[in-house]
Amino acid sequence: MFPKTAFVIVGPTASGKSDAAVSLSLENNGQIISADSVQVYRGLDIGSGKITTSEMKGVPHHLLSIADPGQKFTVEDFRELSNQALVQIFNSNCIPIIAGGTGFYIDTLVNNIRYPIIDDEVKTDLKNLDTAHLQKLADELLPESVLKNFDLQNPTRLRNRIGLWQTHQEIPQPEIIKRDFEINFIWLGLNPSKEILLDRITRRTDSRINNGMVDEVSNLIETGIEPKWLKTVGLEYRLITEHLENKTTLEDLRTQIIQADLKYAKRQLTWFKRNKDIKWFEDPEELVKSVNLPTTTASASKPTTT
């Protein structure tokens, strides 16, 4: 059985991933799997930059608006649902195009890794503990064989290890799940210049503010969505919620979002640059033109399960 082909389009926020994915889909009989941890939520549209129906140009999109605001949605939920989407797309004789900026989600799907879960109550108990308290708790709970294998100065890893231990009474390892079919993932990256990225982020921020991004968050809060949850779901939603609470000016909010997006873009690039399989482009059109895919690729033998 020949491996099937899927594309993965990555890059920093505002680099043009959505447009590139749509163009590539139109030229290669594709369907898109969105890899964005915020766009999975219904009603979080403007602030997350969720693609509109007209922008989709008739291309089917998966993993958009599938969870209610406030609902727990994990990387394992994403992996399972995206694998279902992969099967559906292949069975339709189409090519999957995974596009998004949430690197952890993308890597988890491509490598098909199942991560052990941490109990929600345990997560809540650990969330607000500082490094000193976490170190003390780790020393009390974890055996020396576990303690010596990770950085005790890293609060994120401390919370993870303590949470896993409290949930499972051990540190279970991530598990690679074998698919019933092989997929050849072709990695494509967008990395515009700093000047272009700043311009895109600035114009995008202005457009979102003018199109009601602040009202979107205000309406979510009025319908009962907890501000505390909104602050955890994405940087725009955190900053807008804080803006509404602190009554800061709209211009201050605009500046904060632009600066935060630039910093986020830098973190995304740091994540993706570790992957040497990614072929990088500055322009979305350049990326699309680089693909020369045989028309028979999508119609290779079809999988039935993941």
C-alpha atoms as a PDB file:
ATOM      1  CA  MET A   1       0.000   0.000   0.000  1.00  0.00           C
ATOM      2  CA  PHE A   2       1.424   3.367  -1.026  1.00  0.00           C
ATOM      3  CA  PRO A   3       1.552   6.043   1.651  1.00  0.00           C
ATOM      4  CA  LYS A   4      -1.028   8.773   1.375  1.00  0.00           C
ATOM      5  CA  THR A   5      -0.066  12.412   1.106  1.00  0.00           C
ATOM      6  CA  ALA A   6      -1.057  15.224   3.456  1.00  0.00           C
ATOM      7  CA  PHE A   7       0.238  18.778   3.596  1.00  0.00           C
ATOM      8  CA  VAL A   8       1.082  20.685   6.760  1.00  0.00           C
ATOM      9  CA  ILE A   9       1.218  24.483   6.508  1.00  0.00           C
ATOM     10  CA  VAL A  10       2.765  26.217   9.514  1.00  0.00           C
ATOM     11  CA  GLY A  11       4.128  29.603  10.440  1.00  0.00           C
ATOM     12  CA  PRO A  12       3.650  32.534  12.782  1.00  0.00           C
ATOM     13  CA  THR A  13       0.378  34.335  13.294  1.00  0.00           C
ATOM     14  CA  ALA A  14      -0.647  36.620  10.385  1.00  0.00           C
ATOM     15  CA  SER A  15       1.761  34.925   7.964  1.00  0.00           C
ATOM     16  CA  GLY A  16      -1.013  33.926   5.539  1.00  0.00           C
ATOM     17  CA  LYS A  17      -1.507  30.243   6.414  1.00  0.00           C
ATOM     18  CA  SER A  18      -5.286  30.231   5.904  1.00  0.00           C
ATOM     19  CA  ASP A  19      -5.141  31.823   2.455  1.00  0.00           C
ATOM     20  CA  ALA A  20      -2.332  29.498   1.385  1.00  0.00           C
ATOM     21  CA  ALA A  21      -4.277  26.452   2.596  1.00  0.00           C
ATOM     22  CA  VAL A  22      -7.388  27.502   0.651  1.00  0.00           C
ATOM     23  CA  SER A  23      -5.397  28.165  -2.547  1.00  0.00           C
ATOM     24  CA  LEU A  24      -3.548  24.849  -2.213  1.00  0.00           C
ATOM     25  CA  SER A  25      -6.849  23.047  -1.614  1.00  0.00           C
ATOM     26  CA  LEU A  26      -8.475  24.556  -4.700  1.00  0.00           C
ATOM     27  CA  GLU A  27      -5.565  23.487  -6.886  1.00  0.00           C
ATOM     28  CA  ASN A  28      -5.149  19.983  -5.436  1.00  0.00           C
ATOM     29  CA  ASN A  29      -8.636  18.801  -4.452  1.00  0.00           C
ATOM     30  CA  GLY A  30      -7.913  19.416  -0.793  1.00  0.00           C
ATOM     31  CA  GLN A  31      -9.819  19.764   2.456  1.00  0.00           C
ATOM     32  CA  ILE A  32      -8.464  21.688   5.417  1.00  0.00           C
ATOM     33  CA  ILE A  33      -7.976  20.614   9.030  1.00  0.00           C
ATOM     34  CA  SER A  34      -7.621  23.708  11.210  1.00  0.00           C
ATOM     35  CA  ALA A  35      -4.904  23.354  13.848  1.00  0.00           C
ATOM     36  CA  ASP A  36      -5.795  26.260  16.109  1.00  0.00           C
ATOM     37  CA  SER A  37      -6.534  25.797  19.810  1.00  0.00           C
ATOM     38  CA  VAL A  38      -8.872  28.825  19.927  1.00  0.00           C
ATOM     39  CA  GLN A  39     -10.776  28.421  16.672  1.00  0.00           C
ATOM     40  CA  VAL A  40     -12.244  25.125  17.883  1.00  0.00           C
ATOM     41  CA  TYR A  41     -14.654  27.192  20.029  1.00  0.00           C
ATOM     42  CA  ARG A  42     -17.991  28.478  18.784  1.00  0.00           C
ATOM     43  CA  GLY A  43     -18.441  32.218  19.095  1.00  0.00           C
ATOM     44  CA  LEU A  44     -14.728  32.992  19.357  1.00  0.00           C
ATOM     45  CA  ASP A  45     -14.579  34.192  15.798  1.00  0.00           C
ATOM     46  CA  ILE A  46     -13.260  37.734  15.389  1.00  0.00           C
ATOM     47  CA  GLY A  47     -10.608  37.601  18.090  1.00  0.00           C
ATOM     48  CA  SER A  48      -9.254  34.280  16.831  1.00  0.00           C
ATOM     49  CA  GLY A  49      -9.244  35.328  13.169  1.00  0.00           C
ATOM     50  CA  LYS A  50     -11.496  32.411  12.254  1.00  0.00           C
ATOM     51  CA  ILE A  51     -11.883  32.086   8.502  1.00  0.00           C
ATOM     52  CA  THR A  52     -15.276  33.202   7.170  1.00  0.00           C
ATOM     53  CA  THR A  53     -17.516  31.214   4.841  1.00  0.00           C
ATOM     54  CA  SER A  54     -16.718  33.501   1.914  1.00  0.00           C
ATOM     55  CA  GLU A  55     -12.978  33.203   2.595  1.00  0.00           C
ATOM     56  CA  MET A  56     -13.259  29.400   2.501  1.00  0.00           C
ATOM     57  CA  LYS A  57     -14.234  29.613  -1.209  1.00  0.00           C
ATOM     58  CA  GLY A  58     -16.161  26.376  -0.933  1.00  0.00           C
ATOM     59  CA  VAL A  59     -13.275  24.370   0.520  1.00  0.00           C
ATOM     60  CA  PRO A  60     -14.439  22.091   3.396  1.00  0.00           C
ATOM     61  CA  HIS A  61     -12.865  22.964   6.743  1.00  0.00           C
ATOM     62  CA  HIS A  62     -12.640  20.619   9.736  1.00  0.00           C
ATOM     63  CA  LEU A  63     -12.078  21.287  13.471  1.00  0.00           C
ATOM     64  CA  LEU A  64     -13.646  24.771  13.413  1.00  0.00           C
ATOM     65  CA  SER A  65     -16.385  25.741  15.900  1.00  0.00           C
ATOM     66  CA  ILE A  66     -16.785  22.264  17.372  1.00  0.00           C
ATOM     67  CA  ALA A  67     -16.723  23.087  21.113  1.00  0.00           C
ATOM     68  CA  ASP A  68     -18.818  25.387  23.275  1.00  0.00           C
ATOM     69  CA  PRO A  69     -17.082  28.316  25.012  1.00  0.00           C
ATOM     70  CA  GLY A  70     -15.997  27.272  28.480  1.00  0.00           C
ATOM     71  CA  GLN A  71     -15.919  23.595  27.490  1.00  0.00           C
ATOM     72  CA  LYS A  72     -12.789  21.588  28.137  1.00  0.00           C
ATOM     73  CA  PHE A  73     -11.004  20.770  24.892  1.00  0.00           C
ATOM     74  CA  THR A  74      -7.676  18.956  25.063  1.00  0.00           C
ATOM     75  CA  VAL A  75      -4.884  18.087  22.685  1.00  0.00           C
ATOM     76  CA  GLU A  76      -6.156  14.490  22.839  1.00  0.00           C
ATOM     77  CA  ASP A  77      -9.589  15.674  21.696  1.00  0.00           C
ATOM     78  CA  PHE A  78      -7.853  17.397  18.809  1.00  0.00           C
ATOM     79  CA  ARG A  79      -5.807  14.319  17.912  1.00  0.00           C
ATOM     80  CA  GLU A  80      -8.821  11.997  17.901  1.00  0.00           C
ATOM     81  CA  LEU A  81     -11.103  14.320  15.941  1.00  0.00           C
ATOM     82  CA  SER A  82      -8.390  15.227  13.459  1.00  0.00           C
ATOM     83  CA  ASN A  83      -7.653  11.563  12.805  1.00  0.00           C
ATOM     84  CA  GLN A  84     -11.339  11.059  12.098  1.00  0.00           C
ATOM     85  CA  ALA A  85     -11.163  14.000   9.695  1.00  0.00           C
ATOM     86  CA  LEU A  86      -8.120  12.499   7.969  1.00  0.00           C
ATOM     87  CA  VAL A  87     -10.022   9.270   7.302  1.00  0.00           C
ATOM     88  CA  GLN A  88     -13.058  11.185   6.051  1.00  0.00           C
ATOM     89  CA  ILE A  89     -10.939  13.301   3.701  1.00  0.00           C
ATOM     90  CA  PHE A  90      -9.010  10.341   2.309  1.00  0.00           C
ATOM     91  CA  ASN A  91     -12.245   8.398   1.842  1.00  0.00           C
ATOM     92  CA  SER A  92     -13.521  11.336  -0.197  1.00  0.00           C
ATOM     93  CA  ASN A  93     -10.489  10.986  -2.487  1.00  0.00           C
ATOM     94  CA  CYS A  94      -9.259  14.401  -1.324  1.00  0.00           C
ATOM     95  CA  ILE A  95      -5.970  15.558   0.147  1.00  0.00           C
ATOM     96  CA  PRO A  96      -5.800  16.741   3.778  1.00  0.00           C
ATOM     97  CA  ILE A  97      -4.160  20.096   4.383  1.00  0.00           C
ATOM     98  CA  ILE A  98      -3.396  20.729   8.047  1.00  0.00           C
ATOM     99  CA  ALA A  99      -2.972  24.451   8.640  1.00  0.00           C
ATOM    100  CA  GLY A 100      -2.520  26.419  11.826  1.00  0.00           C
ATOM    101  CA  GLY A 101      -0.245  27.980  14.363  1.00  0.00           C
ATOM    102  CA  THR A 102      -0.666  25.700  17.381  1.00  0.00           C
ATOM    103  CA  GLY A 103       2.568  23.763  17.048  1.00  0.00           C
ATOM    104  CA  PHE A 104       1.894  21.306  19.862  1.00  0.00           C
ATOM    105  CA  TYR A 105      -1.422  20.285  18.302  1.00  0.00           C
ATOM    106  CA  ILE A 106       0.187  19.805  14.887  1.00  0.00           C
ATOM    107  CA  ASP A 107       3.116  17.744  16.161  1.00  0.00           C
ATOM    108  CA  THR A 108       0.773  15.601  18.249  1.00  0.00           C
ATOM    109  CA  LEU A 109      -1.411  14.837  15.231  1.00  0.00           C
ATOM    110  CA  VAL A 110       1.396  14.223  12.741  1.00  0.00           C
ATOM    111  CA  ASN A 111       3.241  11.905  15.136  1.00  0.00           C
ATOM    112  CA  ASN A 112      -0.069  10.530  16.473  1.00  0.00           C
ATOM    113  CA  ILE A 113       0.976  10.788  20.104  1.00  0.00           C
ATOM    114  CA  ARG A 114      -1.434  10.130  22.966  1.00  0.00           C
ATOM    115  CA  TYR A 115      -0.419  12.087  26.062  1.00  0.00           C
ATOM    116  CA  PRO A 116      -1.437  10.960  29.544  1.00  0.00           C
ATOM    117  CA  ILE A 117      -4.115  13.150  31.102  1.00  0.00           C
ATOM    118  CA  ILE A 118      -3.968  15.047  34.394  1.00  0.00           C
ATOM    119  CA  ASP A 119      -7.051  15.219  36.591  1.00  0.00           C
ATOM    120  CA  ASP A 120      -8.829  18.580  36.330  1.00  0.00           C
ATOM    121  CA  GLU A 121      -8.974  19.111  40.099  1.00  0.00           C
ATOM    122  CA  VAL A 122      -5.267  18.393  40.368  1.00  0.00           C
ATOM    123  CA  LYS A 123      -4.580  20.933  37.604  1.00  0.00           C
ATOM    124  CA  THR A 124      -6.629  23.545  39.430  1.00  0.00           C
ATOM    125  CA  ASP A 125      -4.824  22.923  42.716  1.00  0.00           C
ATOM    126  CA  LEU A 126      -1.403  23.284  41.082  1.00  0.00           C
ATOM    127  CA  LYS A 127      -2.161  26.181  38.763  1.00  0.00           C
ATOM    128  CA  ASN A 128      -1.429  29.084  41.100  1.00  0.00           C
ATOM    129  CA  LEU A 129       1.481  27.574  43.033  1.00  0.00           C
ATOM    130  CA  ASP A 130       4.770  29.388  42.531  1.00  0.00           C
ATOM    131  CA  THR A 131       8.053  27.633  41.810  1.00  0.00           C
ATOM    132  CA  ALA A 132       9.130  27.426  45.459  1.00  0.00           C
ATOM    133  CA  HIS A 133       5.869  25.744  46.523  1.00  0.00           C
ATOM    134  CA  LEU A 134       6.010  23.396  43.540  1.00  0.00           C
ATOM    135  CA  GLN A 135       9.579  22.389  44.394  1.00  0.00           C
ATOM    136  CA  LYS A 136       8.571  21.658  47.985  1.00  0.00           C
ATOM    137  CA  LEU A 137       5.593  19.567  46.824  1.00  0.00           C
ATOM    138  CA  ALA A 138       7.727  17.705  44.296  1.00  0.00           C
ATOM    139  CA  ASP A 139      10.281  16.882  46.983  1.00  0.00           C
ATOM    140  CA  GLU A 140       7.496  15.512  49.195  1.00  0.00           C
ATOM    141  CA  LEU A 141       5.736  13.457  46.504  1.00  0.00           C
ATOM    142  CA  LEU A 142       8.157  12.360  43.817  1.00  0.00           C
ATOM    143  CA  PRO A 143      10.837   9.665  44.148  1.00  0.00           C
ATOM    144  CA  GLU A 144      14.445  10.626  43.551  1.00  0.00           C
ATOM    145  CA  SER A 145      14.494   8.665  40.284  1.00  0.00           C
ATOM    146  CA  VAL A 146      11.862  11.054  38.907  1.00  0.00           C
ATOM    147  CA  LEU A 147      13.227  14.248  40.450  1.00  0.00           C
ATOM    148  CA  LYS A 148      16.680  13.863  38.933  1.00  0.00           C
ATOM    149  CA  ASN A 149      15.349  13.659  35.362  1.00  0.00           C
ATOM    150  CA  PHE A 150      13.839  17.107  34.895  1.00  0.00           C
ATOM    151  CA  ASP A 151      14.493  20.780  35.552  1.00  0.00           C
ATOM    152  CA  LEU A 152      13.303  21.763  39.029  1.00  0.00           C
ATOM    153  CA  GLN A 153      13.509  25.440  38.065  1.00  0.00           C
ATOM    154  CA  ASN A 154      10.847  25.037  35.378  1.00  0.00           C
ATOM    155  CA  PRO A 155       7.379  25.575  36.945  1.00  0.00           C
ATOM    156  CA  THR A 156       5.520  24.240  33.883  1.00  0.00           C
ATOM    157  CA  ARG A 157       7.364  20.937  33.997  1.00  0.00           C
ATOM    158  CA  LEU A 158       7.005  20.787  37.754  1.00  0.00           C
ATOM    159  CA  ARG A 159       3.221  21.150  37.477  1.00  0.00           C
ATOM    160  CA  ASN A 160       3.147  18.508  34.758  1.00  0.00           C
ATOM    161  CA  ARG A 161       5.186  15.926  36.664  1.00  0.00           C
ATOM    162  CA  ILE A 162       3.409  16.515  39.971  1.00  0.00           C
ATOM    163  CA  GLY A 163       0.030  16.444  38.227  1.00  0.00           C
ATOM    164  CA  LEU A 164       0.800  13.177  36.466  1.00  0.00           C
ATOM    165  CA  TRP A 165       2.044  11.621  39.699  1.00  0.00           C
ATOM    166  CA  GLN A 166      -1.003  12.708  41.671  1.00  0.00           C
ATOM    167  CA  THR A 167      -3.319  11.424  38.932  1.00  0.00           C
ATOM    168  CA  HIS A 168      -1.607   8.106  38.110  1.00  0.00           C
ATOM    169  CA  GLN A 169       0.779   7.466  41.023  1.00  0.00           C
ATOM    170  CA  GLU A 170       3.475   7.232  38.362  1.00  0.00           C
ATOM    171  CA  ILE A 171       4.804   9.246  35.428  1.00  0.00           C
ATOM    172  CA  PRO A 172       3.246   7.550  32.384  1.00  0.00           C
ATOM    173  CA  GLN A 173       4.983   8.128  29.081  1.00  0.00           C
ATOM    174  CA  PRO A 174       3.342   9.496  25.928  1.00  0.00           C
ATOM    175  CA  GLU A 175       2.271   6.699  23.575  1.00  0.00           C
ATOM    176  CA  ILE A 176       2.674   6.683  19.804  1.00  0.00           C
ATOM    177  CA  ILE A 177      -0.500   5.258  18.253  1.00  0.00           C
ATOM    178  CA  LYS A 178       0.067   3.326  15.024  1.00  0.00           C
ATOM    179  CA  ARG A 179      -2.305   4.224  12.233  1.00  0.00           C
ATOM    180  CA  ASP A 180      -3.781   1.562   9.942  1.00  0.00           C
ATOM    181  CA  PHE A 181      -2.284   3.421   6.992  1.00  0.00           C
ATOM    182  CA  GLU A 182       0.879   5.379   6.290  1.00  0.00           C
ATOM    183  CA  ILE A 183       0.812   9.116   5.635  1.00  0.00           C
ATOM    184  CA  ASN A 184       3.554  11.124   3.963  1.00  0.00           C
ATOM    185  CA  PHE A 185       3.327  14.549   5.581  1.00  0.00           C
ATOM    186  CA  ILE A 186       4.765  17.346   3.437  1.00  0.00           C
ATOM    187  CA  TRP A 187       5.767  20.280   5.648  1.00  0.00           C
ATOM    188  CA  LEU A 188       5.502  23.821   4.260  1.00  0.00           C
ATOM    189  CA  GLY A 189       6.240  26.970   6.268  1.00  0.00           C
ATOM    190  CA  LEU A 190       5.491  30.668   5.887  1.00  0.00           C
ATOM    191  CA  ASN A 191       7.990  33.132   7.328  1.00  0.00           C
ATOM    192  CA  PRO A 192       7.507  36.690   6.029  1.00  0.00           C
ATOM    193  CA  SER A 193       9.978  39.444   6.857  1.00  0.00           C
ATOM    194  CA  LYS A 194       9.658  41.259  10.167  1.00  0.00           C
ATOM    195  CA  GLU A 195       8.462  44.402   8.369  1.00  0.00           C
ATOM    196  CA  ILE A 196       5.728  42.552   6.482  1.00  0.00           C
ATOM    197  CA  LEU A 197       4.644  40.663   9.594  1.00  0.00           C
ATOM    198  CA  LEU A 198       4.388  43.880  11.624  1.00  0.00           C
ATOM    199  CA  ASP A 199       2.316  45.470   8.876  1.00  0.00           C
ATOM    200  CA  ARG A 200      -0.013  42.465   8.667  1.00  0.00           C
ATOM    201  CA  ILE A 201      -0.460  42.238  12.425  1.00  0.00           C
ATOM    202  CA  THR A 202      -1.146  45.982  12.674  1.00  0.00           C
ATOM    203  CA  ARG A 203      -3.694  46.001   9.853  1.00  0.00           C
ATOM    204  CA  ARG A 204      -5.317  42.824  11.160  1.00  0.00           C
ATOM    205  CA  THR A 205      -5.640  44.243  14.664  1.00  0.00           C
ATOM    206  CA  ASP A 206      -7.250  47.430  13.352  1.00  0.00           C
ATOM    207  CA  SER A 207      -9.655  45.402  11.227  1.00  0.00           C
ATOM    208  CA  ARG A 208     -10.678  43.156  14.113  1.00  0.00           C
ATOM    209  CA  ILE A 209     -11.261  46.095  16.445  1.00  0.00           C
ATOM    210  CA  ASN A 210     -13.341  47.857  13.788  1.00  0.00           C
ATOM    211  CA  ASN A 211     -15.333  44.667  13.152  1.00  0.00           C
ATOM    212  CA  GLY A 212     -16.388  44.237  16.774  1.00  0.00           C
ATOM    213  CA  MET A 213     -13.729  42.142  18.487  1.00  0.00           C
ATOM    214  CA  VAL A 214     -14.287  43.881  21.832  1.00  0.00           C
ATOM    215  CA  ASP A 215     -18.067  43.526  21.555  1.00  0.00           C
ATOM    216  CA  GLU A 216     -17.597  39.823  20.833  1.00  0.00           C
ATOM    217  CA  VAL A 217     -15.870  39.319  24.175  1.00  0.00           C
ATOM    218  CA  SER A 218     -18.350  41.558  26.011  1.00  0.00           C
ATOM    219  CA  ASN A 219     -21.242  39.516  24.598  1.00  0.00           C
ATOM    220  CA  LEU A 220     -19.591  36.248  25.609  1.00  0.00           C
ATOM    221  CA  ILE A 221     -19.287  37.490  29.186  1.00  0.00           C
ATOM    222  CA  GLU A 222     -22.918  38.643  29.153  1.00  0.00           C
ATOM    223  CA  THR A 223     -24.035  35.149  28.115  1.00  0.00           C
ATOM    224  CA  GLY A 224     -22.302  33.667  31.173  1.00  0.00           C
ATOM    225  CA  ILE A 225     -18.832  32.777  29.909  1.00  0.00           C
ATOM    226  CA  GLU A 226     -16.415  33.238  32.785  1.00  0.00           C
ATOM    227  CA  PRO A 227     -13.794  35.978  32.309  1.00  0.00           C
ATOM    228  CA  LYS A 228     -11.343  33.643  34.026  1.00  0.00           C
ATOM    229  CA  TRP A 229     -11.776  31.122  31.200  1.00  0.00           C
ATOM    230  CA  LEU A 230     -11.482  33.782  28.499  1.00  0.00           C
ATOM    231  CA  LYS A 231      -8.139  34.864  29.944  1.00  0.00           C
ATOM    232  CA  THR A 232      -6.768  31.342  29.448  1.00  0.00           C
ATOM    233  CA  VAL A 233      -7.997  30.663  25.922  1.00  0.00           C
ATOM    234  CA  GLY A 234      -5.874  33.025  23.855  1.00  0.00           C
ATOM    235  CA  LEU A 235      -3.917  36.248  24.106  1.00  0.00           C
ATOM    236  CA  GLU A 236      -6.476  38.457  22.319  1.00  0.00           C
ATOM    237  CA  TYR A 237      -9.242  37.223  24.588  1.00  0.00           C
ATOM    238  CA  ARG A 238      -7.090  37.707  27.677  1.00  0.00           C
ATOM    239  CA  LEU A 239      -6.154  41.258  26.721  1.00  0.00           C
ATOM    240  CA  ILE A 240      -9.700  42.239  25.749  1.00  0.00           C
ATOM    241  CA  THR A 241     -11.128  40.791  28.966  1.00  0.00           C
ATOM    242  CA  GLU A 242      -8.560  42.744  30.992  1.00  0.00           C
ATOM    243  CA  HIS A 243      -9.392  45.840  28.928  1.00  0.00           C
ATOM    244  CA  LEU A 244     -13.079  45.485  29.811  1.00  0.00           C
ATOM    245  CA  GLU A 245     -12.273  44.955  33.495  1.00  0.00           C
ATOM    246  CA  ASN A 246      -9.764  47.773  33.840  1.00  0.00           C
ATOM    247  CA  LYS A 247     -11.514  50.245  31.519  1.00  0.00           C
ATOM    248  CA  THR A 248      -8.279  50.951  29.643  1.00  0.00           C
ATOM    249  CA  THR A 249      -8.420  52.886  26.376  1.00  0.00           C
ATOM    250  CA  LEU A 250      -8.980  51.206  23.019  1.00  0.00           C
ATOM    251  CA  GLU A 251      -5.653  52.587  21.814  1.00  0.00           C
ATOM    252  CA  ASP A 252      -3.883  50.951  24.762  1.00  0.00           C
ATOM    253  CA  LEU A 253      -5.580  47.663  23.884  1.00  0.00           C
ATOM    254  CA  ARG A 254      -4.543  48.005  20.239  1.00  0.00           C
ATOM    255  CA  THR A 255      -0.896  48.532  21.235  1.00  0.00           C
ATOM    256  CA  GLN A 256      -0.973  45.593  23.660  1.00  0.00           C
ATOM    257  CA  ILE A 257      -2.396  43.216  21.048  1.00  0.00           C
ATOM    258  CA  ILE A 258       0.141  44.186  18.394  1.00  0.00           C
ATOM    259  CA  GLN A 259       3.056  43.789  20.806  1.00  0.00           C
ATOM    260  CA  ALA A 260       1.718  40.499  22.165  1.00  0.00           C
ATOM    261  CA  ASP A 261       1.155  39.098  18.667  1.00  0.00           C
ATOM    262  CA  LEU A 262       4.716  39.959  17.663  1.00  0.00           C
ATOM    263  CA  LYS A 263       6.079  38.148  20.715  1.00  0.00           C
ATOM    264  CA  TYR A 264       3.788  35.191  20.035  1.00  0.00           C
ATOM    265  CA  ALA A 265       4.970  35.037  16.424  1.00  0.00           C
ATOM    266  CA  LYS A 266       8.566  34.824  17.650  1.00  0.00           C
ATOM    267  CA  ARG A 267       7.680  31.928  19.989  1.00  0.00           C
ATOM    268  CA  GLN A 268       5.878  30.119  17.171  1.00  0.00           C
ATOM    269  CA  LEU A 269       8.889  30.420  14.895  1.00  0.00           C
ATOM    270  CA  THR A 270      11.161  29.110  17.637  1.00  0.00           C
ATOM    271  CA  TRP A 271       8.913  26.047  17.917  1.00  0.00           C
ATOM    272  CA  PHE A 272       8.655  25.384  14.176  1.00  0.00           C
ATOM    273  CA  LYS A 273      12.326  26.054  13.384  1.00  0.00           C
ATOM    274  CA  ARG A 274      13.216  22.896  15.306  1.00  0.00           C
ATOM    275  CA  ASN A 275      11.576  20.906  12.516  1.00  0.00           C
ATOM    276  CA  LYS A 276      14.114  20.474   9.718  1.00  0.00           C
ATOM    277  CA  ASP A 277      11.491  18.909   7.417  1.00  0.00           C
ATOM    278  CA  ILE A 278       9.781  22.275   6.869  1.00  0.00           C
ATOM    279  CA  LYS A 279      10.423  24.003   3.535  1.00  0.00           C
ATOM    280  CA  TRP A 280      10.113  27.745   4.172  1.00  0.00           C
ATOM    281  CA  PHE A 281       8.635  30.493   2.007  1.00  0.00           C
ATOM    282  CA  GLU A 282       8.144  34.224   2.517  1.00  0.00           C
ATOM    283  CA  ASP A 283       4.987  34.543   0.445  1.00  0.00           C
ATOM    284  CA  PRO A 284       1.808  32.370   0.410  1.00  0.00           C
ATOM    285  CA  GLU A 285       1.610  32.428  -3.399  1.00  0.00           C
ATOM    286  CA  GLU A 286       5.211  31.232  -3.607  1.00  0.00           C
ATOM    287  CA  LEU A 287       4.350  28.348  -1.287  1.00  0.00           C
ATOM    288  CA  VAL A 288       1.360  27.272  -3.376  1.00  0.00           C
ATOM    289  CA  LYS A 289       3.264  27.471  -6.658  1.00  0.00           C
ATOM    290  CA  SER A 290       6.009  25.236  -5.254  1.00  0.00           C
ATOM    291  CA  VAL A 291       3.644  22.265  -4.978  1.00  0.00           C
ATOM    292  CA  ASN A 292       3.501  19.939  -7.978  1.00  0.00           C
ATOM    293  CA  LEU A 293       1.379  17.018  -6.911  1.00  0.00           C
ATOM    294  CA  PRO A 294       0.326  14.151  -9.222  1.00  0.00           C
ATOM    295  CA  THR A 295      -3.452  14.008  -9.597  1.00  0.00           C
ATOM    296  CA  THR A 296      -3.429  10.335  -8.656  1.00  0.00           C
ATOM    297  CA  THR A 297      -2.037  10.927  -5.163  1.00  0.00           C
ATOM    298  CA  ALA A 298      -5.397  11.537  -3.529  1.00  0.00           C
ATOM    299  CA  SER A 299      -7.018   8.454  -5.042  1.00  0.00           C
ATOM    300  CA  ALA A 300      -4.557   5.895  -3.668  1.00  0.00           C
ATOM    301  CA  SER A 301      -6.042   3.021  -1.605  1.00  0.00           C
ATOM    302  CA  LYS A 302      -8.392   4.425   1.008  1.00  0.00           C
ATOM    303  CA  PRO A 303      -8.133   3.875   4.773  1.00  0.00           C
ATOM    304  CA  THR A 304     -11.117   2.882   6.841  1.00  0.00           C
ATOM    305  CA  THR A 305      -9.928   3.428  10.434  1.00  0.00           C
ATOM    306  CA  THR A 306      -7.256   5.288  12.362  1.00  0.00           C
END
